[in-house]
Amino acid sequence: MNIRLTSSLTPEDEDMIAPALITAFASFLDLLPIAYVIRIDTSDSQVFQHSGRARHRPSAGEPIRDRVIERLSAAGRVRIPPIVISPSTPS
């Protein structure tokens, strides 16, 4: 996945905000069972980079979505209501 962000920030503001963005993205991505690299190149050629390794490999058939929701909720970062799917009734 490659995500690009274009902003109207000044180069000085980009240099100040980039480390905070790296920290915010890393705190979320660390909850996922993936390895990743975050890289921010600012308009004045500053480079901010962080990498993380996969801490848990999902077993075959393990729903990653459920595990992520469980970890986010346990970390107190989000409150996600349970999804209830009712069986459809025949017409």
PDB file of N, CA and C in Angstrom:
ATOM      1  N   MET A   1       0.858  -1.163   0.000  1.00  0.00           N
ATOM      2  CA  MET A   1       0.000   0.000   0.000  1.00  0.00           C
ATOM      3  C   MET A   1       0.906   1.227   0.000  1.00  0.00           C
ATOM      4  N   ASN A   2       0.559   2.184  -0.789  1.00  0.00           N
ATOM      5  CA  ASN A   2       1.299   3.438  -0.856  1.00  0.00           C
ATOM      6  C   ASN A   2       0.295   4.563  -0.664  1.00  0.00           C
ATOM      7  N   ILE A   3       0.485   5.373   0.372  1.00  0.00           N
ATOM      8  CA  ILE A   3      -0.439   6.469   0.671  1.00  0.00           C
ATOM      9  C   ILE A   3       0.296   7.782   0.456  1.00  0.00           C
ATOM     10  N   ARG A   4      -0.305   8.692  -0.264  1.00  0.00           N
ATOM     11  CA  ARG A   4       0.296  10.017  -0.488  1.00  0.00           C
ATOM     12  C   ARG A   4      -0.585  11.092   0.130  1.00  0.00           C
ATOM     13  N   LEU A   5       0.045  12.069   0.720  1.00  0.00           N
ATOM     14  CA  LEU A   5      -0.668  13.188   1.312  1.00  0.00           C
ATOM     15  C   LEU A   5      -0.084  14.471   0.737  1.00  0.00           C
ATOM     16  N   THR A   6      -0.931  15.274   0.160  1.00  0.00           N
ATOM     17  CA  THR A   6      -0.516  16.572  -0.347  1.00  0.00           C
ATOM     18  C   THR A   6      -1.192  17.622   0.519  1.00  0.00           C
ATOM     19  N   SER A   7      -0.415  18.587   0.976  1.00  0.00           N
ATOM     20  CA  SER A   7      -0.987  19.585   1.878  1.00  0.00           C
ATOM     21  C   SER A   7      -0.543  20.986   1.486  1.00  0.00           C
ATOM     22  N   SER A   8      -1.150  21.954   2.135  1.00  0.00           N
ATOM     23  CA  SER A   8      -0.777  23.348   1.920  1.00  0.00           C
ATOM     24  C   SER A   8       0.124  23.848   3.049  1.00  0.00           C
ATOM     25  N   LEU A   9       0.708  22.925   3.813  1.00  0.00           N
ATOM     26  CA  LEU A   9       1.608  23.323   4.895  1.00  0.00           C
ATOM     27  C   LEU A   9       2.878  23.963   4.342  1.00  0.00           C
ATOM     28  N   THR A  10       3.470  24.820   5.123  1.00  0.00           N
ATOM     29  CA  THR A  10       4.770  25.377   4.740  1.00  0.00           C
ATOM     30  C   THR A  10       5.833  24.308   4.986  1.00  0.00           C
ATOM     31  N   PRO A  11       6.980  24.403   4.352  1.00  0.00           N
ATOM     32  CA  PRO A  11       8.048  23.428   4.601  1.00  0.00           C
ATOM     33  C   PRO A  11       8.425  23.339   6.090  1.00  0.00           C
ATOM     34  N   GLU A  12       8.422  24.471   6.776  1.00  0.00           N
ATOM     35  CA  GLU A  12       8.752  24.471   8.201  1.00  0.00           C
ATOM     36  C   GLU A  12       7.692  23.713   9.006  1.00  0.00           C
ATOM     37  N   ASP A  13       6.420  23.925   8.657  1.00  0.00           N
ATOM     38  CA  ASP A  13       5.341  23.213   9.343  1.00  0.00           C
ATOM     39  C   ASP A  13       5.388  21.713   9.047  1.00  0.00           C
ATOM     40  N   GLU A  14       5.720  21.350   7.812  1.00  0.00           N
ATOM     41  CA  GLU A  14       5.852  19.937   7.470  1.00  0.00           C
ATOM     42  C   GLU A  14       6.910  19.274   8.339  1.00  0.00           C
ATOM     43  N   ASP A  15       8.041  19.949   8.524  1.00  0.00           N
ATOM     44  CA  ASP A  15       9.120  19.391   9.339  1.00  0.00           C
ATOM     45  C   ASP A  15       8.697  19.228  10.796  1.00  0.00           C
ATOM     46  N   MET A  16       7.820  20.086  11.278  1.00  0.00           N
ATOM     47  CA  MET A  16       7.344  19.975  12.661  1.00  0.00           C
ATOM     48  C   MET A  16       6.283  18.887  12.807  1.00  0.00           C
ATOM     49  N   ILE A  17       5.432  18.733  11.817  1.00  0.00           N
ATOM     50  CA  ILE A  17       4.311  17.802  11.908  1.00  0.00           C
ATOM     51  C   ILE A  17       4.704  16.368  11.538  1.00  0.00           C
ATOM     52  N   ALA A  18       5.679  16.204  10.680  1.00  0.00           N
ATOM     53  CA  ALA A  18       6.056  14.875  10.199  1.00  0.00           C
ATOM     54  C   ALA A  18       6.352  13.881  11.326  1.00  0.00           C
ATOM     55  N   PRO A  19       7.143  14.231  12.349  1.00  0.00           N
ATOM     56  CA  PRO A  19       7.392  13.256  13.419  1.00  0.00           C
ATOM     57  C   PRO A  19       6.117  12.848  14.163  1.00  0.00           C
ATOM     58  N   ALA A  20       5.182  13.772  14.328  1.00  0.00           N
ATOM     59  CA  ALA A  20       3.918  13.448  14.999  1.00  0.00           C
ATOM     60  C   ALA A  20       3.086  12.500  14.136  1.00  0.00           C
ATOM     61  N   LEU A  21       3.092  12.704  12.826  1.00  0.00           N
ATOM     62  CA  LEU A  21       2.371  11.798  11.933  1.00  0.00           C
ATOM     63  C   LEU A  21       2.980  10.394  11.971  1.00  0.00           C
ATOM     64  N   ILE A  22       4.307  10.327  11.966  1.00  0.00           N
ATOM     65  CA  ILE A  22       4.990   9.029  12.060  1.00  0.00           C
ATOM     66  C   ILE A  22       4.558   8.312  13.339  1.00  0.00           C
ATOM     67  N   THR A  23       4.563   9.017  14.458  1.00  0.00           N
ATOM     68  CA  THR A  23       4.178   8.420  15.741  1.00  0.00           C
ATOM     69  C   THR A  23       2.729   7.953  15.727  1.00  0.00           C
ATOM     70  N   ALA A  24       1.845   8.775  15.183  1.00  0.00           N
ATOM     71  CA  ALA A  24       0.426   8.420  15.147  1.00  0.00           C
ATOM     72  C   ALA A  24       0.190   7.187  14.275  1.00  0.00           C
ATOM     73  N   PHE A  25       0.768   7.161  13.085  1.00  0.00           N
ATOM     74  CA  PHE A  25       0.600   6.006  12.202  1.00  0.00           C
ATOM     75  C   PHE A  25       1.221   4.755  12.818  1.00  0.00           C
ATOM     76  N   ALA A  26       2.394   4.893  13.406  1.00  0.00           N
ATOM     77  CA  ALA A  26       3.071   3.730  14.005  1.00  0.00           C
ATOM     78  C   ALA A  26       2.265   3.154  15.157  1.00  0.00           C
ATOM     79  N   SER A  27       1.657   4.012  15.977  1.00  0.00           N
ATOM     80  CA  SER A  27       0.881   3.496  17.105  1.00  0.00           C
ATOM     81  C   SER A  27      -0.317   2.680  16.625  1.00  0.00           C
ATOM     82  N   PHE A  28      -0.881   3.040  15.499  1.00  0.00           N
ATOM     83  CA  PHE A  28      -1.974   2.263  14.928  1.00  0.00           C
ATOM     84  C   PHE A  28      -1.440   0.992  14.260  1.00  0.00           C
ATOM     85  N   LEU A  29      -0.434   1.128  13.411  1.00  0.00           N
ATOM     86  CA  LEU A  29       0.075  -0.016  12.661  1.00  0.00           C
ATOM     87  C   LEU A  29       0.691  -1.078  13.565  1.00  0.00           C
ATOM     88  N   ASP A  30       1.213  -0.672  14.712  1.00  0.00           N
ATOM     89  CA  ASP A  30       1.779  -1.643  15.653  1.00  0.00           C
ATOM     90  C   ASP A  30       0.728  -2.602  16.196  1.00  0.00           C
ATOM     91  N   LEU A  31      -0.526  -2.248  16.086  1.00  0.00           N
ATOM     92  CA  LEU A  31      -1.604  -3.130  16.527  1.00  0.00           C
ATOM     93  C   LEU A  31      -1.933  -4.203  15.496  1.00  0.00           C
ATOM     94  N   LEU A  32      -1.463  -4.025  14.286  1.00  0.00           N
ATOM     95  CA  LEU A  32      -1.767  -4.962  13.204  1.00  0.00           C
ATOM     96  C   LEU A  32      -0.676  -6.027  13.094  1.00  0.00           C
ATOM     97  N   PRO A  33      -1.038  -7.207  12.603  1.00  0.00           N
ATOM     98  CA  PRO A  33      -0.048  -8.276  12.458  1.00  0.00           C
ATOM     99  C   PRO A  33       0.739  -8.152  11.150  1.00  0.00           C
ATOM    100  N   ILE A  34       1.364  -6.982  10.938  1.00  0.00           N
ATOM    101  CA  ILE A  34       2.070  -6.727   9.683  1.00  0.00           C
ATOM    102  C   ILE A  34       3.420  -6.080   9.948  1.00  0.00           C
ATOM    103  N   ALA A  35       4.320  -6.258   9.006  1.00  0.00           N
ATOM    104  CA  ALA A  35       5.555  -5.474   8.991  1.00  0.00           C
ATOM    105  C   ALA A  35       5.278  -4.259   8.114  1.00  0.00           C
ATOM    106  N   TYR A  36       5.901  -3.142   8.426  1.00  0.00           N
ATOM    107  CA  TYR A  36       5.613  -1.930   7.659  1.00  0.00           C
ATOM    108  C   TYR A  36       6.792  -0.958   7.714  1.00  0.00           C
ATOM    109  N   VAL A  37       6.795  -0.029   6.793  1.00  0.00           N
ATOM    110  CA  VAL A  37       7.713   1.104   6.795  1.00  0.00           C
ATOM    111  C   VAL A  37       6.885   2.336   6.511  1.00  0.00           C
ATOM    112  N   ILE A  38       7.063   3.354   7.332  1.00  0.00           N
ATOM    113  CA  ILE A  38       6.416   4.650   7.102  1.00  0.00           C
ATOM    114  C   ILE A  38       7.536   5.604   6.710  1.00  0.00           C
ATOM    115  N   ARG A  39       7.339   6.331   5.634  1.00  0.00           N
ATOM    116  CA  ARG A  39       8.352   7.290   5.197  1.00  0.00           C
ATOM    117  C   ARG A  39       7.652   8.574   4.799  1.00  0.00           C
ATOM    118  N   ILE A  40       8.140   9.668   5.316  1.00  0.00           N
ATOM    119  CA  ILE A  40       7.619  10.983   4.946  1.00  0.00           C
ATOM    120  C   ILE A  40       8.772  11.803   4.381  1.00  0.00           C
ATOM    121  N   ASP A  41       8.596  12.242   3.144  1.00  0.00           N
ATOM    122  CA  ASP A  41       9.551  13.149   2.490  1.00  0.00           C
ATOM    123  C   ASP A  41       8.896  14.523   2.460  1.00  0.00           C
ATOM    124  N   THR A  42       9.487  15.481   3.130  1.00  0.00           N
ATOM    125  CA  THR A  42       8.902  16.816   3.147  1.00  0.00           C
ATOM    126  C   THR A  42       9.369  17.602   1.923  1.00  0.00           C
ATOM    127  N   SER A  43       8.712  18.718   1.678  1.00  0.00           N
ATOM    128  CA  SER A  43       9.014  19.500   0.478  1.00  0.00           C
ATOM    129  C   SER A  43      10.407  20.124   0.508  1.00  0.00           C
ATOM    130  N   ASP A  44      11.017  20.242   1.690  1.00  0.00           N
ATOM    131  CA  ASP A  44      12.388  20.753   1.730  1.00  0.00           C
ATOM    132  C   ASP A  44      13.406  19.621   1.903  1.00  0.00           C
ATOM    133  N   SER A  45      13.013  18.419   1.447  1.00  0.00           N
ATOM    134  CA  SER A  45      13.880  17.240   1.356  1.00  0.00           C
ATOM    135  C   SER A  45      14.268  16.606   2.689  1.00  0.00           C
ATOM    136  N   GLN A  46      13.550  16.908   3.752  1.00  0.00           N
ATOM    137  CA  GLN A  46      13.755  16.190   5.013  1.00  0.00           C
ATOM    138  C   GLN A  46      13.088  14.827   4.875  1.00  0.00           C
ATOM    139  N   VAL A  47      13.691  13.790   5.444  1.00  0.00           N
ATOM    140  CA  VAL A  47      13.125  12.447   5.391  1.00  0.00           C
ATOM    141  C   VAL A  47      12.931  11.945   6.816  1.00  0.00           C
ATOM    142  N   PHE A  48      11.704  11.508   7.098  1.00  0.00           N
ATOM    143  CA  PHE A  48      11.353  10.917   8.385  1.00  0.00           C
ATOM    144  C   PHE A  48      10.896   9.502   8.089  1.00  0.00           C
ATOM    145  N   GLN A  49      11.441   8.527   8.815  1.00  0.00           N
ATOM    146  CA  GLN A  49      11.118   7.136   8.508  1.00  0.00           C
ATOM    147  C   GLN A  49      11.060   6.307   9.785  1.00  0.00           C
ATOM    148  N   HIS A  50      10.173   5.333   9.781  1.00  0.00           N
ATOM    149  CA  HIS A  50      10.030   4.405  10.906  1.00  0.00           C
ATOM    150  C   HIS A  50       9.585   3.065  10.352  1.00  0.00           C
ATOM    151  N   SER A  51      10.072   1.969  10.949  1.00  0.00           N
ATOM    152  CA  SER A  51       9.630   0.645  10.520  1.00  0.00           C
ATOM    153  C   SER A  51       9.206  -0.172  11.728  1.00  0.00           C
ATOM    154  N   GLY A  52       8.334  -1.114  11.484  1.00  0.00           N
ATOM    155  CA  GLY A  52       7.860  -2.010  12.533  1.00  0.00           C
ATOM    156  C   GLY A  52       7.790  -3.416  11.978  1.00  0.00           C
ATOM    157  N   ARG A  53       7.955  -4.385  12.860  1.00  0.00           N
ATOM    158  CA  ARG A  53       7.912  -5.776  12.406  1.00  0.00           C
ATOM    159  C   ARG A  53       6.614  -6.432  12.851  1.00  0.00           C
ATOM    160  N   ALA A  54       6.241  -7.480  12.157  1.00  0.00           N
ATOM    161  CA  ALA A  54       5.021  -8.212  12.504  1.00  0.00           C
ATOM    162  C   ALA A  54       5.216  -8.884  13.856  1.00  0.00           C
ATOM    163  N   ARG A  55       4.311  -8.627  14.786  1.00  0.00           N
ATOM    164  CA  ARG A  55       4.416  -9.217  16.111  1.00  0.00           C
ATOM    165  C   ARG A  55       3.576 -10.481  16.245  1.00  0.00           C
ATOM    166  N   HIS A  56       2.656 -10.669  15.348  1.00  0.00           N
ATOM    167  CA  HIS A  56       1.787 -11.842  15.383  1.00  0.00           C
ATOM    168  C   HIS A  56       1.417 -12.204  13.961  1.00  0.00           C
ATOM    169  N   ARG A  57       1.632 -13.430  13.615  1.00  0.00           N
ATOM    170  CA  ARG A  57       1.224 -13.896  12.290  1.00  0.00           C
ATOM    171  C   ARG A  57      -0.127 -14.573  12.435  1.00  0.00           C
ATOM    172  N   PRO A  58      -1.117 -14.128  11.712  1.00  0.00           N
ATOM    173  CA  PRO A  58      -2.428 -14.764  11.823  1.00  0.00           C
ATOM    174  C   PRO A  58      -2.380 -16.196  11.299  1.00  0.00           C
ATOM    175  N   SER A  59      -3.074 -17.084  11.990  1.00  0.00           N
ATOM    176  CA  SER A  59      -3.161 -18.460  11.513  1.00  0.00           C
ATOM    177  C   SER A  59      -4.153 -18.504  10.357  1.00  0.00           C
ATOM    178  N   ALA A  60      -4.089 -19.574   9.612  1.00  0.00           N
ATOM    179  CA  ALA A  60      -4.986 -19.716   8.463  1.00  0.00           C
ATOM    180  C   ALA A  60      -6.428 -19.614   8.922  1.00  0.00           C
ATOM    181  N   GLY A  61      -7.170 -18.771   8.295  1.00  0.00           N
ATOM    182  CA  GLY A  61      -8.586 -18.628   8.610  1.00  0.00           C
ATOM    183  C   GLY A  61      -8.878 -17.683   9.763  1.00  0.00           C
ATOM    184  N   GLU A  62      -7.830 -17.157  10.435  1.00  0.00           N
ATOM    185  CA  GLU A  62      -8.083 -16.222  11.541  1.00  0.00           C
ATOM    186  C   GLU A  62      -8.516 -14.880  10.965  1.00  0.00           C
ATOM    187  N   PRO A  63      -9.676 -14.371  11.392  1.00  0.00           N
ATOM    188  CA  PRO A  63     -10.135 -13.080  10.852  1.00  0.00           C
ATOM    189  C   PRO A  63      -9.310 -11.919  11.422  1.00  0.00           C
ATOM    190  N   ILE A  64      -8.534 -11.285  10.568  1.00  0.00           N
ATOM    191  CA  ILE A  64      -7.683 -10.174  11.009  1.00  0.00           C
ATOM    192  C   ILE A  64      -8.537  -9.029  11.536  1.00  0.00           C
ATOM    193  N   ARG A  65      -9.671  -8.756  10.894  1.00  0.00           N
ATOM    194  CA  ARG A  65     -10.537  -7.659  11.327  1.00  0.00           C
ATOM    195  C   ARG A  65     -10.925  -7.822  12.792  1.00  0.00           C
ATOM    196  N   ASP A  66     -11.345  -9.028  13.187  1.00  0.00           N
ATOM    197  CA  ASP A  66     -11.750  -9.260  14.578  1.00  0.00           C
ATOM    198  C   ASP A  66     -10.587  -9.048  15.539  1.00  0.00           C
ATOM    199  N   ARG A  67      -9.399  -9.511  15.153  1.00  0.00           N
ATOM    200  CA  ARG A  67      -8.226  -9.352  16.020  1.00  0.00           C
ATOM    201  C   ARG A  67      -7.862  -7.869  16.182  1.00  0.00           C
ATOM    202  N   VAL A  68      -7.938  -7.110  15.089  1.00  0.00           N
ATOM    203  CA  VAL A  68      -7.611  -5.680  15.159  1.00  0.00           C
ATOM    204  C   VAL A  68      -8.613  -4.960  16.053  1.00  0.00           C
ATOM    205  N   ILE A  69      -9.893  -5.243  15.888  1.00  0.00           N
ATOM    206  CA  ILE A  69     -10.911  -4.608  16.723  1.00  0.00           C
ATOM    207  C   ILE A  69     -10.685  -4.960  18.185  1.00  0.00           C
ATOM    208  N   GLU A  70     -10.370  -6.218  18.449  1.00  0.00           N
ATOM    209  CA  GLU A  70     -10.112  -6.661  19.821  1.00  0.00           C
ATOM    210  C   GLU A  70      -8.930  -5.910  20.428  1.00  0.00           C
ATOM    211  N   ARG A  71      -7.843  -5.772  19.672  1.00  0.00           N
ATOM    212  CA  ARG A  71      -6.650  -5.090  20.192  1.00  0.00           C
ATOM    213  C   ARG A  71      -6.876  -3.595  20.357  1.00  0.00           C
ATOM    214  N   LEU A  72      -7.585  -2.965  19.420  1.00  0.00           N
ATOM    215  CA  LEU A  72      -7.879  -1.532  19.553  1.00  0.00           C
ATOM    216  C   LEU A  72      -8.761  -1.279  20.768  1.00  0.00           C
ATOM    217  N   SER A  73      -9.758  -2.120  20.959  1.00  0.00           N
ATOM    218  CA  SER A  73     -10.655  -1.957  22.098  1.00  0.00           C
ATOM    219  C   SER A  73      -9.913  -2.193  23.409  1.00  0.00           C
ATOM    220  N   ALA A  74      -9.064  -3.218  23.453  1.00  0.00           N
ATOM    221  CA  ALA A  74      -8.311  -3.532  24.666  1.00  0.00           C
ATOM    222  C   ALA A  74      -7.331  -2.416  25.012  1.00  0.00           C
ATOM    223  N   ALA A  75      -6.808  -1.759  24.001  1.00  0.00           N
ATOM    224  CA  ALA A  75      -5.868  -0.660  24.234  1.00  0.00           C
ATOM    225  C   ALA A  75      -6.590   0.614  24.650  1.00  0.00           C
ATOM    226  N   GLY A  76      -7.928   0.571  24.641  1.00  0.00           N
ATOM    227  CA  GLY A  76      -8.704   1.747  25.032  1.00  0.00           C
ATOM    228  C   GLY A  76      -8.676   2.846  24.002  1.00  0.00           C
ATOM    229  N   ARG A  77      -8.319   2.525  22.790  1.00  0.00           N
ATOM    230  CA  ARG A  77      -8.190   3.555  21.755  1.00  0.00           C
ATOM    231  C   ARG A  77      -9.495   3.843  21.054  1.00  0.00           C
ATOM    232  N   VAL A  78     -10.332   2.836  20.949  1.00  0.00           N
ATOM    233  CA  VAL A  78     -11.621   3.051  20.294  1.00  0.00           C
ATOM    234  C   VAL A  78     -12.670   2.193  20.972  1.00  0.00           C
ATOM    235  N   ARG A  79     -13.883   2.621  20.859  1.00  0.00           N
ATOM    236  CA  ARG A  79     -15.009   1.821  21.313  1.00  0.00           C
ATOM    237  C   ARG A  79     -15.789   1.441  20.073  1.00  0.00           C
ATOM    238  N   ILE A  80     -15.781   0.163  19.769  1.00  0.00           N
ATOM    239  CA  ILE A  80     -16.436  -0.313  18.567  1.00  0.00           C
ATOM    240  C   ILE A  80     -17.624  -1.164  18.992  1.00  0.00           C
ATOM    241  N   PRO A  81     -18.831  -0.756  18.621  1.00  0.00           N
ATOM    242  CA  PRO A  81     -19.995  -1.569  18.993  1.00  0.00           C
ATOM    243  C   PRO A  81     -19.975  -2.884  18.236  1.00  0.00           C
ATOM    244  N   PRO A  82     -20.487  -3.937  18.849  1.00  0.00           N
ATOM    245  CA  PRO A  82     -20.519  -5.220  18.138  1.00  0.00           C
ATOM    246  C   PRO A  82     -21.433  -5.141  16.925  1.00  0.00           C
ATOM    247  N   ILE A  83     -21.078  -5.882  15.916  1.00  0.00           N
ATOM    248  CA  ILE A  83     -21.895  -5.936  14.704  1.00  0.00           C
ATOM    249  C   ILE A  83     -22.812  -7.146  14.828  1.00  0.00           C
ATOM    250  N   VAL A  84     -24.083  -6.909  14.736  1.00  0.00           N
ATOM    251  CA  VAL A  84     -25.051  -7.990  14.837  1.00  0.00           C
ATOM    252  C   VAL A  84     -25.673  -8.185  13.464  1.00  0.00           C
ATOM    253  N   ILE A  85     -25.544  -9.390  12.960  1.00  0.00           N
ATOM    254  CA  ILE A  85     -26.129  -9.704  11.666  1.00  0.00           C
ATOM    255  C   ILE A  85     -27.257 -10.681  11.904  1.00  0.00           C
ATOM    256  N   SER A  86     -28.461 -10.260  11.573  1.00  0.00           N
ATOM    257  CA  SER A  86     -29.636 -11.113  11.742  1.00  0.00           C
ATOM    258  C   SER A  86     -29.833 -11.938  10.499  1.00  0.00           C
ATOM    259  N   PRO A  87     -30.187 -13.210  10.690  1.00  0.00           N
ATOM    260  CA  PRO A  87     -30.455 -14.015   9.491  1.00  0.00           C
ATOM    261  C   PRO A  87     -31.672 -13.478   8.766  1.00  0.00           C
ATOM    262  N   SER A  88     -31.591 -13.542   7.460  1.00  0.00           N
ATOM    263  CA  SER A  88     -32.732 -13.043   6.681  1.00  0.00           C
ATOM    264  C   SER A  88     -33.880 -14.051   6.766  1.00  0.00           C
ATOM    265  N   THR A  89     -35.080 -13.536   6.773  1.00  0.00           N
ATOM    266  CA  THR A  89     -36.257 -14.398   6.825  1.00  0.00           C
ATOM    267  C   THR A  89     -36.785 -14.592   5.419  1.00  0.00           C
ATOM    268  N   PRO A  90     -37.211 -15.809   5.102  1.00  0.00           N
ATOM    269  CA  PRO A  90     -37.737 -16.010   3.750  1.00  0.00           C
ATOM    270  C   PRO A  90     -39.021 -15.224   3.536  1.00  0.00           C
ATOM    271  N   SER A  91     -39.224 -14.739   2.300  1.00  0.00           N
ATOM    272  CA  SER A  91     -40.426 -13.966   2.022  1.00  0.00           C
ATOM    273  C   SER A  91     -41.592 -14.848   1.680  1.00  0.00           C
TER     274      SER A  91
END
